[in-house]
Amino acid sequence: MLKLIINPDTESSWELPLPPGSHVLGSDPSKSSLLIDHPSVAPQHCEIIAESDAAHFSDLASGMGSLVEGQAVTDQLINPGQRSDLSKRVKSGLEEEEYQIRERDGNRGSVR
Protein backbone atom coordinates (compact mmCIF):
# COMPACT_ATOMS: atom_id res chain seq x y z
CA MET A 1 0.00 0.00 0.00
CA LEU A 2 1.17 3.52 -0.76
CA LYS A 3 1.50 6.29 1.81
CA LEU A 4 1.61 10.05 1.47
CA ILE A 5 4.21 11.76 3.66
CA ILE A 6 3.30 15.33 4.59
CA ASN A 7 6.27 17.66 5.19
CA PRO A 8 8.85 14.89 4.61
CA ASP A 9 12.29 15.22 6.16
CA THR A 10 11.06 17.68 8.81
CA GLU A 11 10.16 17.45 12.49
CA SER A 12 6.52 18.13 11.57
CA SER A 13 6.37 15.13 9.21
CA TRP A 14 3.32 12.85 9.33
CA GLU A 15 1.91 10.17 7.07
CA LEU A 16 -1.40 9.29 5.47
CA PRO A 17 -2.08 5.74 4.29
CA LEU A 18 -3.32 5.55 0.70
CA PRO A 19 -5.21 2.31 0.19
CA PRO A 20 -6.26 1.70 -3.42
CA GLY A 21 -9.01 4.07 -4.54
CA SER A 22 -9.88 7.75 -4.62
CA HIS A 23 -8.81 10.18 -1.87
CA VAL A 24 -9.61 13.91 -1.74
CA LEU A 25 -7.07 15.98 0.18
CA GLY A 26 -8.13 19.30 1.60
CA SER A 27 -8.65 21.53 4.61
CA ASP A 28 -12.43 21.02 4.99
CA PRO A 29 -13.31 17.78 6.83
CA SER A 30 -16.83 17.79 5.33
CA LYS A 31 -15.43 17.84 1.77
CA SER A 32 -12.16 15.89 2.07
CA SER A 33 -11.44 12.29 2.94
CA LEU A 34 -7.85 13.16 3.99
CA LEU A 35 -7.59 16.31 6.09
CA ILE A 36 -4.65 18.71 5.88
CA ASP A 37 -5.47 21.53 8.27
CA HIS A 38 -3.44 24.41 6.87
CA PRO A 39 -4.59 27.83 5.56
CA SER A 40 -2.64 27.38 2.31
CA VAL A 41 -4.57 24.19 1.45
CA ALA A 42 -7.94 24.57 -0.28
CA PRO A 43 -11.09 22.90 1.14
CA GLN A 44 -10.85 20.34 -1.70
CA HIS A 45 -7.28 20.79 -2.91
CA CYS A 46 -6.55 17.66 -4.93
CA GLU A 47 -7.61 14.10 -5.62
CA ILE A 48 -5.21 11.19 -5.47
CA ILE A 49 -6.31 7.89 -7.00
CA ALA A 50 -4.01 5.30 -5.49
CA GLU A 51 -3.15 2.10 -7.30
CA SER A 52 -0.86 -0.68 -6.09
CA ASP A 53 2.39 0.94 -7.24
CA ALA A 54 1.62 4.53 -8.32
CA ALA A 55 -1.02 7.22 -7.95
CA HIS A 56 -2.84 9.64 -10.21
CA PHE A 57 -2.75 13.22 -8.85
CA SER A 58 -5.34 15.82 -9.93
CA ASP A 59 -5.51 19.42 -8.69
CA LEU A 60 -9.19 20.20 -8.09
CA ALA A 61 -8.99 23.82 -9.29
CA SER A 62 -7.73 24.68 -5.82
CA GLY A 63 -6.68 28.16 -6.91
CA MET A 64 -3.56 27.64 -4.81
CA GLY A 65 -1.72 25.46 -7.28
CA SER A 66 0.03 22.11 -7.04
CA LEU A 67 3.51 21.07 -8.10
CA VAL A 68 5.02 17.65 -8.80
CA GLU A 69 8.81 17.60 -8.86
CA GLY A 70 8.74 21.41 -9.03
CA GLN A 71 6.49 21.59 -12.11
CA ALA A 72 2.98 23.06 -11.99
CA VAL A 73 0.43 20.33 -12.69
CA THR A 74 -3.30 19.85 -12.91
CA ASP A 75 -3.22 16.13 -13.73
CA GLN A 76 -0.19 13.86 -13.28
CA LEU A 77 0.84 10.25 -12.62
CA ILE A 78 3.15 10.14 -9.59
CA ASN A 79 5.42 7.30 -8.58
CA PRO A 80 6.96 6.39 -5.21
CA GLY A 81 9.79 8.74 -4.39
CA GLN A 82 8.35 11.73 -6.26
CA ARG A 83 7.72 14.97 -4.36
CA SER A 84 4.72 17.25 -4.70
CA ASP A 85 3.81 20.61 -3.21
CA LEU A 86 0.19 21.23 -2.32
CA SER A 87 1.06 24.85 -1.65
CA LYS A 88 4.14 26.94 -0.95
CA ARG A 89 4.02 25.77 2.68
CA VAL A 90 2.83 22.14 2.47
CA LYS A 91 5.16 19.58 0.89
CA SER A 92 4.42 15.90 0.34
CA GLY A 93 6.02 12.77 -0.99
CA LEU A 94 4.68 9.43 -2.16
CA GLU A 95 6.28 6.30 -0.76
CA GLU A 96 5.53 2.59 -0.75
CA GLU A 97 4.16 1.41 2.58
CA GLU A 98 6.21 -1.22 4.32
CA TYR A 99 4.97 -0.82 7.87
CA GLN A 100 1.76 -1.14 9.84
CA ILE A 101 -0.32 2.05 9.99
CA ARG A 102 -1.96 3.09 13.25
CA GLU A 103 -4.63 5.77 13.25
CA ARG A 104 -3.85 9.10 14.90
CA ASP A 105 -5.97 12.25 15.01
CA GLY A 106 -8.80 11.07 12.79
CA ASN A 107 -7.58 10.59 9.20
CA ARG A 108 -3.92 11.06 9.99
CA GLY A 109 -1.73 7.99 10.12
CA SER A 110 1.68 7.33 11.56
CA VAL A 111 4.20 4.55 11.14
CA ARG A 112 5.22 2.76 14.33
C-alpha atoms as a PDB file:
ATOM      1  CA  MET A   1       0.000   0.000   0.000  1.00  0.00           C
ATOM      2  CA  LEU A   2       1.167   3.525  -0.760  1.00  0.00           C
ATOM      3  CA  LYS A   3       1.501   6.289   1.814  1.00  0.00           C
ATOM      4  CA  LEU A   4       1.610  10.054   1.467  1.00  0.00           C
ATOM      5  CA  ILE A   5       4.208  11.758   3.660  1.00  0.00           C
ATOM      6  CA  ILE A   6       3.304  15.328   4.594  1.00  0.00           C
ATOM      7  CA  ASN A   7       6.266  17.659   5.186  1.00  0.00           C
ATOM      8  CA  PRO A   8       8.853  14.892   4.614  1.00  0.00           C
ATOM      9  CA  ASP A   9      12.293  15.220   6.163  1.00  0.00           C
ATOM     10  CA  THR A  10      11.063  17.682   8.805  1.00  0.00           C
ATOM     11  CA  GLU A  11      10.162  17.447  12.491  1.00  0.00           C
ATOM     12  CA  SER A  12       6.524  18.129  11.568  1.00  0.00           C
ATOM     13  CA  SER A  13       6.374  15.127   9.207  1.00  0.00           C
ATOM     14  CA  TRP A  14       3.321  12.853   9.327  1.00  0.00           C
ATOM     15  CA  GLU A  15       1.911  10.166   7.069  1.00  0.00           C
ATOM     16  CA  LEU A  16      -1.395   9.286   5.467  1.00  0.00           C
ATOM     17  CA  PRO A  17      -2.083   5.740   4.288  1.00  0.00           C
ATOM     18  CA  LEU A  18      -3.317   5.549   0.697  1.00  0.00           C
ATOM     19  CA  PRO A  19      -5.210   2.310   0.186  1.00  0.00           C
ATOM     20  CA  PRO A  20      -6.264   1.701  -3.422  1.00  0.00           C
ATOM     21  CA  GLY A  21      -9.011   4.073  -4.540  1.00  0.00           C
ATOM     22  CA  SER A  22      -9.879   7.754  -4.625  1.00  0.00           C
ATOM     23  CA  HIS A  23      -8.813  10.181  -1.871  1.00  0.00           C
ATOM     24  CA  VAL A  24      -9.614  13.905  -1.736  1.00  0.00           C
ATOM     25  CA  LEU A  25      -7.068  15.978   0.185  1.00  0.00           C
ATOM     26  CA  GLY A  26      -8.127  19.302   1.596  1.00  0.00           C
ATOM     27  CA  SER A  27      -8.655  21.526   4.608  1.00  0.00           C
ATOM     28  CA  ASP A  28     -12.432  21.024   4.990  1.00  0.00           C
ATOM     29  CA  PRO A  29     -13.314  17.785   6.833  1.00  0.00           C
ATOM     30  CA  SER A  30     -16.828  17.790   5.334  1.00  0.00           C
ATOM     31  CA  LYS A  31     -15.426  17.839   1.772  1.00  0.00           C
ATOM     32  CA  SER A  32     -12.157  15.892   2.066  1.00  0.00           C
ATOM     33  CA  SER A  33     -11.438  12.285   2.943  1.00  0.00           C
ATOM     34  CA  LEU A  34      -7.852  13.161   3.987  1.00  0.00           C
ATOM     35  CA  LEU A  35      -7.586  16.309   6.086  1.00  0.00           C
ATOM     36  CA  ILE A  36      -4.649  18.709   5.879  1.00  0.00           C
ATOM     37  CA  ASP A  37      -5.472  21.528   8.269  1.00  0.00           C
ATOM     38  CA  HIS A  38      -3.445  24.413   6.873  1.00  0.00           C
ATOM     39  CA  PRO A  39      -4.590  27.826   5.556  1.00  0.00           C
ATOM     40  CA  SER A  40      -2.640  27.385   2.306  1.00  0.00           C
ATOM     41  CA  VAL A  41      -4.565  24.190   1.450  1.00  0.00           C
ATOM     42  CA  ALA A  42      -7.943  24.573  -0.280  1.00  0.00           C
ATOM     43  CA  PRO A  43     -11.086  22.904   1.143  1.00  0.00           C
ATOM     44  CA  GLN A  44     -10.849  20.340  -1.700  1.00  0.00           C
ATOM     45  CA  HIS A  45      -7.285  20.788  -2.909  1.00  0.00           C
ATOM     46  CA  CYS A  46      -6.549  17.660  -4.930  1.00  0.00           C
ATOM     47  CA  GLU A  47      -7.610  14.102  -5.617  1.00  0.00           C
ATOM     48  CA  ILE A  48      -5.215  11.188  -5.473  1.00  0.00           C
ATOM     49  CA  ILE A  49      -6.306   7.894  -7.000  1.00  0.00           C
ATOM     50  CA  ALA A  50      -4.011   5.296  -5.493  1.00  0.00           C
ATOM     51  CA  GLU A  51      -3.149   2.101  -7.301  1.00  0.00           C
ATOM     52  CA  SER A  52      -0.865  -0.677  -6.088  1.00  0.00           C
ATOM     53  CA  ASP A  53       2.390   0.941  -7.239  1.00  0.00           C
ATOM     54  CA  ALA A  54       1.617   4.527  -8.325  1.00  0.00           C
ATOM     55  CA  ALA A  55      -1.024   7.221  -7.948  1.00  0.00           C
ATOM     56  CA  HIS A  56      -2.842   9.640 -10.214  1.00  0.00           C
ATOM     57  CA  PHE A  57      -2.746  13.221  -8.850  1.00  0.00           C
ATOM     58  CA  SER A  58      -5.337  15.823  -9.928  1.00  0.00           C
ATOM     59  CA  ASP A  59      -5.510  19.417  -8.695  1.00  0.00           C
ATOM     60  CA  LEU A  60      -9.189  20.198  -8.092  1.00  0.00           C
ATOM     61  CA  ALA A  61      -8.992  23.823  -9.287  1.00  0.00           C
ATOM     62  CA  SER A  62      -7.733  24.683  -5.821  1.00  0.00           C
ATOM     63  CA  GLY A  63      -6.676  28.157  -6.914  1.00  0.00           C
ATOM     64  CA  MET A  64      -3.565  27.641  -4.809  1.00  0.00           C
ATOM     65  CA  GLY A  65      -1.719  25.464  -7.285  1.00  0.00           C
ATOM     66  CA  SER A  66       0.027  22.113  -7.041  1.00  0.00           C
ATOM     67  CA  LEU A  67       3.512  21.070  -8.101  1.00  0.00           C
ATOM     68  CA  VAL A  68       5.018  17.647  -8.800  1.00  0.00           C
ATOM     69  CA  GLU A  69       8.812  17.598  -8.860  1.00  0.00           C
ATOM     70  CA  GLY A  70       8.741  21.406  -9.026  1.00  0.00           C
ATOM     71  CA  GLN A  71       6.492  21.591 -12.110  1.00  0.00           C
ATOM     72  CA  ALA A  72       2.976  23.064 -11.989  1.00  0.00           C
ATOM     73  CA  VAL A  73       0.428  20.325 -12.693  1.00  0.00           C
ATOM     74  CA  THR A  74      -3.300  19.847 -12.915  1.00  0.00           C
ATOM     75  CA  ASP A  75      -3.216  16.134 -13.731  1.00  0.00           C
ATOM     76  CA  GLN A  76      -0.187  13.855 -13.276  1.00  0.00           C
ATOM     77  CA  LEU A  77       0.838  10.251 -12.615  1.00  0.00           C
ATOM     78  CA  ILE A  78       3.145  10.137  -9.586  1.00  0.00           C
ATOM     79  CA  ASN A  79       5.418   7.295  -8.579  1.00  0.00           C
ATOM     80  CA  PRO A  80       6.958   6.392  -5.212  1.00  0.00           C
ATOM     81  CA  GLY A  81       9.788   8.742  -4.388  1.00  0.00           C
ATOM     82  CA  GLN A  82       8.351  11.733  -6.259  1.00  0.00           C
ATOM     83  CA  ARG A  83       7.719  14.966  -4.364  1.00  0.00           C
ATOM     84  CA  SER A  84       4.721  17.251  -4.704  1.00  0.00           C
ATOM     85  CA  ASP A  85       3.809  20.608  -3.215  1.00  0.00           C
ATOM     86  CA  LEU A  86       0.185  21.228  -2.324  1.00  0.00           C
ATOM     87  CA  SER A  87       1.059  24.854  -1.655  1.00  0.00           C
ATOM     88  CA  LYS A  88       4.143  26.937  -0.951  1.00  0.00           C
ATOM     89  CA  ARG A  89       4.015  25.773   2.684  1.00  0.00           C
ATOM     90  CA  VAL A  90       2.828  22.141   2.472  1.00  0.00           C
ATOM     91  CA  LYS A  91       5.155  19.583   0.887  1.00  0.00           C
ATOM     92  CA  SER A  92       4.420  15.904   0.340  1.00  0.00           C
ATOM     93  CA  GLY A  93       6.020  12.773  -0.991  1.00  0.00           C
ATOM     94  CA  LEU A  94       4.677   9.429  -2.162  1.00  0.00           C
ATOM     95  CA  GLU A  95       6.285   6.304  -0.755  1.00  0.00           C
ATOM     96  CA  GLU A  96       5.533   2.594  -0.749  1.00  0.00           C
ATOM     97  CA  GLU A  97       4.162   1.410   2.575  1.00  0.00           C
ATOM     98  CA  GLU A  98       6.213  -1.222   4.321  1.00  0.00           C
ATOM     99  CA  TYR A  99       4.970  -0.824   7.873  1.00  0.00           C
ATOM    100  CA  GLN A 100       1.756  -1.138   9.836  1.00  0.00           C
ATOM    101  CA  ILE A 101      -0.320   2.054   9.993  1.00  0.00           C
ATOM    102  CA  ARG A 102      -1.956   3.091  13.250  1.00  0.00           C
ATOM    103  CA  GLU A 103      -4.630   5.765  13.251  1.00  0.00           C
ATOM    104  CA  ARG A 104      -3.849   9.100  14.899  1.00  0.00           C
ATOM    105  CA  ASP A 105      -5.968  12.249  15.008  1.00  0.00           C
ATOM    106  CA  GLY A 106      -8.801  11.067  12.788  1.00  0.00           C
ATOM    107  CA  ASN A 107      -7.582  10.587   9.203  1.00  0.00           C
ATOM    108  CA  ARG A 108      -3.917  11.060   9.989  1.00  0.00           C
ATOM    109  CA  GLY A 109      -1.727   7.990  10.125  1.00  0.00           C
ATOM    110  CA  SER A 110       1.676   7.333  11.560  1.00  0.00           C
ATOM    111  CA  VAL A 111       4.199   4.553  11.145  1.00  0.00           C
ATOM    112  CA  ARG A 112       5.222   2.758  14.335  1.00  0.00           C
END
